[in-house]
Amino acid sequence: MQQQNSQNQQGTMQQPPDMISTKDHLYITDMLTWNLLAMKKAHFYAGQCQNQELADGLTQAGEMHSRHYQQILQLLQNGNQQQIQ
């Protein structure tokens, strides 16, 4: 147990690296793609629903995915601005 704790403490990064790995880049791309697709599907299905309560729930889900997409983009842009300065 002690060995696991020391490995976790040693593996914890105090500050993000100046550049991201290819694997990280691919994962970020996937996150953006998943959120964009979920947003589009929720919007489409909300428009197809005749049950207003269900349509409202799908609209809220789509808005949540839209916010997540924007938050990821904002984090990436803020990180890029810090690199430029």
C-alpha atoms as a PDB file:
ATOM      1  CA  MET A   1       0.000   0.000   0.000  1.00  0.00           C
ATOM      2  CA  GLN A   2       2.827   2.392   0.874  1.00  0.00           C
ATOM      3  CA  GLN A   3       4.413   1.713  -2.500  1.00  0.00           C
ATOM      4  CA  GLN A   4       1.229   2.708  -4.359  1.00  0.00           C
ATOM      5  CA  ASN A   5       0.932   5.965  -2.422  1.00  0.00           C
ATOM      6  CA  SER A   6       4.504   6.968  -3.199  1.00  0.00           C
ATOM      7  CA  GLN A   7       3.999   6.201  -6.882  1.00  0.00           C
ATOM      8  CA  ASN A   8       0.856   8.326  -6.986  1.00  0.00           C
ATOM      9  CA  GLN A   9       2.621  11.212  -5.279  1.00  0.00           C
ATOM     10  CA  GLN A  10       5.576  10.960  -7.638  1.00  0.00           C
ATOM     11  CA  GLY A  11       3.325  10.740 -10.704  1.00  0.00           C
ATOM     12  CA  THR A  12       1.271  13.838  -9.840  1.00  0.00           C
ATOM     13  CA  MET A  13       2.118  16.796 -12.028  1.00  0.00           C
ATOM     14  CA  GLN A  14       2.128  20.133 -10.200  1.00  0.00           C
ATOM     15  CA  GLN A  15       1.960  22.166 -13.420  1.00  0.00           C
ATOM     16  CA  PRO A  16       0.890  21.132 -16.931  1.00  0.00           C
ATOM     17  CA  PRO A  17       3.685  20.656 -19.462  1.00  0.00           C
ATOM     18  CA  ASP A  18       4.411  23.319 -22.085  1.00  0.00           C
ATOM     19  CA  MET A  19       3.348  20.974 -24.867  1.00  0.00           C
ATOM     20  CA  ILE A  20       0.958  18.070 -25.121  1.00  0.00           C
ATOM     21  CA  SER A  21       1.685  14.601 -26.408  1.00  0.00           C
ATOM     22  CA  THR A  22       0.157  13.156 -29.551  1.00  0.00           C
ATOM     23  CA  LYS A  23      -1.995  10.886 -27.394  1.00  0.00           C
ATOM     24  CA  ASP A  24      -3.282  13.886 -25.406  1.00  0.00           C
ATOM     25  CA  HIS A  25      -3.999  15.765 -28.638  1.00  0.00           C
ATOM     26  CA  LEU A  26      -6.012  12.839 -29.983  1.00  0.00           C
ATOM     27  CA  TYR A  27      -7.966  12.568 -26.738  1.00  0.00           C
ATOM     28  CA  ILE A  28      -8.777  16.295 -26.762  1.00  0.00           C
ATOM     29  CA  THR A  29      -9.930  15.970 -30.372  1.00  0.00           C
ATOM     30  CA  ASP A  30     -12.136  13.040 -29.351  1.00  0.00           C
ATOM     31  CA  MET A  31     -13.646  15.029 -26.463  1.00  0.00           C
ATOM     32  CA  LEU A  32     -14.534  17.881 -28.804  1.00  0.00           C
ATOM     33  CA  THR A  33     -15.979  15.469 -31.373  1.00  0.00           C
ATOM     34  CA  TRP A  34     -18.057  13.582 -28.789  1.00  0.00           C
ATOM     35  CA  ASN A  35     -19.536  16.760 -27.347  1.00  0.00           C
ATOM     36  CA  LEU A  36     -20.294  18.247 -30.751  1.00  0.00           C
ATOM     37  CA  LEU A  37     -21.965  15.044 -31.943  1.00  0.00           C
ATOM     38  CA  ALA A  38     -23.999  14.686 -28.729  1.00  0.00           C
ATOM     39  CA  MET A  39     -25.089  18.325 -29.030  1.00  0.00           C
ATOM     40  CA  LYS A  40     -26.207  17.833 -32.640  1.00  0.00           C
ATOM     41  CA  LYS A  41     -28.063  14.589 -31.872  1.00  0.00           C
ATOM     42  CA  ALA A  42     -29.851  16.082 -28.876  1.00  0.00           C
ATOM     43  CA  HIS A  43     -30.933  19.078 -30.978  1.00  0.00           C
ATOM     44  CA  PHE A  44     -32.153  16.821 -33.784  1.00  0.00           C
ATOM     45  CA  TYR A  45     -34.112  14.496 -31.511  1.00  0.00           C
ATOM     46  CA  ALA A  46     -35.574  17.392 -29.512  1.00  0.00           C
ATOM     47  CA  GLY A  47     -37.033  18.651 -32.796  1.00  0.00           C
ATOM     48  CA  GLN A  48     -38.531  15.225 -33.519  1.00  0.00           C
ATOM     49  CA  CYS A  49     -40.224  14.801 -30.107  1.00  0.00           C
ATOM     50  CA  GLN A  50     -43.920  15.295 -29.656  1.00  0.00           C
ATOM     51  CA  ASN A  51     -43.601  14.996 -25.881  1.00  0.00           C
ATOM     52  CA  GLN A  52     -42.634  18.494 -24.714  1.00  0.00           C
ATOM     53  CA  GLU A  53     -41.094  17.281 -21.447  1.00  0.00           C
ATOM     54  CA  LEU A  54     -38.797  14.919 -23.321  1.00  0.00           C
ATOM     55  CA  ALA A  55     -37.954  17.607 -25.888  1.00  0.00           C
ATOM     56  CA  ASP A  56     -37.033  20.000 -23.057  1.00  0.00           C
ATOM     57  CA  GLY A  57     -34.780  17.355 -21.497  1.00  0.00           C
ATOM     58  CA  LEU A  58     -33.033  16.757 -24.813  1.00  0.00           C
ATOM     59  CA  THR A  59     -32.617  20.497 -25.320  1.00  0.00           C
ATOM     60  CA  GLN A  60     -31.025  20.797 -21.880  1.00  0.00           C
ATOM     61  CA  ALA A  61     -28.703  17.869 -22.650  1.00  0.00           C
ATOM     62  CA  GLY A  62     -27.703  19.510 -25.926  1.00  0.00           C
ATOM     63  CA  GLU A  63     -27.014  22.807 -24.165  1.00  0.00           C
ATOM     64  CA  MET A  64     -24.857  20.990 -21.599  1.00  0.00           C
ATOM     65  CA  HIS A  65     -22.762  19.406 -24.359  1.00  0.00           C
ATOM     66  CA  SER A  66     -22.487  22.792 -26.063  1.00  0.00           C
ATOM     67  CA  ARG A  67     -21.176  24.326 -22.818  1.00  0.00           C
ATOM     68  CA  HIS A  68     -18.660  21.515 -22.417  1.00  0.00           C
ATOM     69  CA  TYR A  69     -17.478  22.018 -26.006  1.00  0.00           C
ATOM     70  CA  GLN A  70     -17.043  25.759 -25.405  1.00  0.00           C
ATOM     71  CA  GLN A  71     -15.253  25.179 -22.093  1.00  0.00           C
ATOM     72  CA  ILE A  72     -12.743  22.836 -23.729  1.00  0.00           C
ATOM     73  CA  LEU A  73     -12.099  25.352 -26.505  1.00  0.00           C
ATOM     74  CA  GLN A  74     -11.699  28.156 -23.965  1.00  0.00           C
ATOM     75  CA  LEU A  75      -9.189  26.120 -21.949  1.00  0.00           C
ATOM     76  CA  LEU A  76      -7.198  25.414 -25.081  1.00  0.00           C
ATOM     77  CA  GLN A  77      -7.259  29.069 -26.136  1.00  0.00           C
ATOM     78  CA  ASN A  78      -6.255  30.279 -22.663  1.00  0.00           C
ATOM     79  CA  GLY A  79      -3.357  27.836 -22.645  1.00  0.00           C
ATOM     80  CA  ASN A  80      -2.283  29.055 -26.065  1.00  0.00           C
ATOM     81  CA  GLN A  81      -2.412  32.708 -24.949  1.00  0.00           C
ATOM     82  CA  GLN A  82      -0.209  31.904 -21.971  1.00  0.00           C
ATOM     83  CA  GLN A  83       2.314  30.271 -24.320  1.00  0.00           C
ATOM     84  CA  ILE A  84       2.443  33.389 -26.525  1.00  0.00           C
ATOM     85  CA  GLN A  85       3.130  35.747 -23.617  1.00  0.00           C
END
